[in-house]
């Protein structure tokens, strides 16, 4: 993470994004680190969204969706802070509609369970936004 922050400070956002975030692949990139839900990486993701274009934004949002499954208490505070951090952008990881419905629902339920496990008045509004969004996605997928 130190390298990404150094690139951001010394070379600017464009250099940091081009070096550590890829539009072509996610393996071995900063997206993988963000997806762990580590607080410093989640914080960096929020910062990088301010500088990212569509390609990088989608990758960061997908990684935050994965992080939500791992560490919802870390990611929930971001929900709704900016349009790029809306519930429909970061409450779920990327789930291909080409997957069988049962696999889509499995991924959705993993996120739902993680978010439901958070008991915090401070995060109640963000939790409710995510669960409402997840419910609408679930309803749109036919169960096997």
Foldseek 3Di string as FASTA:
>chain_A
DVVLVVCCVPVNLVRSCVPAPDLPDDPPHLLQVLLQLPLVSVVVLVVSCVVDDDSRLLSSLLSLQSSLLNPVVSLLVQDPPDPSRHLVRHLHHDDDPVDALVVSVVRLVSSLVSLVVDDDPVRVVSSVRNVVNSVVVNVVGDDD
